[in-house]
Amino acid sequence: MDSGDNTGWEIHFVDDTQGETGGFYLIIQSGDSVAYDYWFEKKEYLDNQLLDHNIKWNS
């Protein structure tokens, strides 16, 4: 993330639509010690959540 309380944290996405949950995970991680995960039933819900964050995307 590029600003705010989570500056420098990494974001990971897991598409589990073909797995057990049938949805999407958003994992926000700071190094190896702190991580939070969120589950979304639909991709549009995940996309809406990302609008709440100022994210610097790496290519």
Protein backbone atom coordinates (compact mmCIF):
# COMPACT_ATOMS: atom_id res chain seq x y z
CA MET A 1 0.00 0.00 0.00
CA ASP A 2 1.17 3.47 -0.79
CA SER A 3 -0.16 5.58 2.09
CA GLY A 4 -1.89 5.54 5.46
CA ASP A 5 -1.48 3.11 8.33
CA ASN A 6 -0.49 0.24 6.04
CA THR A 7 2.29 1.91 4.03
CA GLY A 8 4.69 -0.72 2.70
CA TRP A 9 2.35 -3.65 3.24
CA GLU A 10 1.80 -6.19 0.46
CA ILE A 11 -1.49 -7.30 -1.04
CA HIS A 12 -2.11 -10.82 -2.32
CA PHE A 13 -5.16 -12.19 -4.12
CA VAL A 14 -6.39 -15.77 -4.12
CA ASP A 15 -9.01 -16.83 -6.63
CA ASP A 16 -10.78 -19.72 -4.88
CA THR A 17 -13.81 -19.77 -7.18
CA GLN A 18 -13.05 -23.37 -8.09
CA GLY A 19 -12.06 -24.30 -4.52
CA GLU A 20 -13.81 -24.89 -1.22
CA THR A 21 -15.01 -21.34 -0.58
CA GLY A 22 -16.12 -20.42 -4.08
CA GLY A 23 -14.96 -16.84 -3.68
CA PHE A 24 -11.96 -14.55 -3.52
CA TYR A 25 -9.45 -13.79 -0.76
CA LEU A 26 -7.67 -10.50 -0.22
CA ILE A 27 -4.61 -10.91 2.00
CA ILE A 28 -2.88 -7.83 3.40
CA GLN A 29 0.55 -8.63 4.84
CA SER A 30 3.38 -6.82 6.61
CA GLY A 31 6.48 -9.01 6.40
CA ASP A 32 6.13 -12.46 7.91
CA SER A 33 4.59 -11.41 11.21
CA VAL A 34 1.26 -9.66 10.55
CA ALA A 35 -1.43 -10.57 8.04
CA TYR A 36 -5.14 -10.03 7.61
CA ASP A 37 -7.39 -11.85 5.20
CA TYR A 38 -10.79 -10.99 3.83
CA TRP A 39 -13.14 -13.22 1.87
CA PHE A 40 -15.48 -11.97 -0.85
CA GLU A 41 -18.27 -13.95 -2.43
CA LYS A 42 -18.04 -12.07 -5.73
CA LYS A 43 -15.18 -10.35 -7.58
CA GLU A 44 -17.13 -7.09 -7.74
CA TYR A 45 -17.17 -7.01 -3.91
CA LEU A 46 -13.38 -7.43 -3.90
CA ASP A 47 -13.01 -4.68 -6.51
CA ASN A 48 -15.16 -2.34 -4.41
CA GLN A 49 -13.00 -3.00 -1.34
CA LEU A 50 -9.86 -2.09 -3.28
CA LEU A 51 -11.32 1.33 -4.07
CA ASP A 52 -10.97 2.15 -0.34
CA HIS A 53 -7.17 1.87 -0.51
CA ASN A 54 -4.44 3.90 -2.20
CA ILE A 55 -2.44 1.08 -3.81
CA LYS A 56 0.86 1.36 -5.67
CA TRP A 57 0.88 -1.58 -8.08
CA ASN A 58 4.18 -3.26 -9.01
CA SER A 59 4.56 -4.37 -12.61
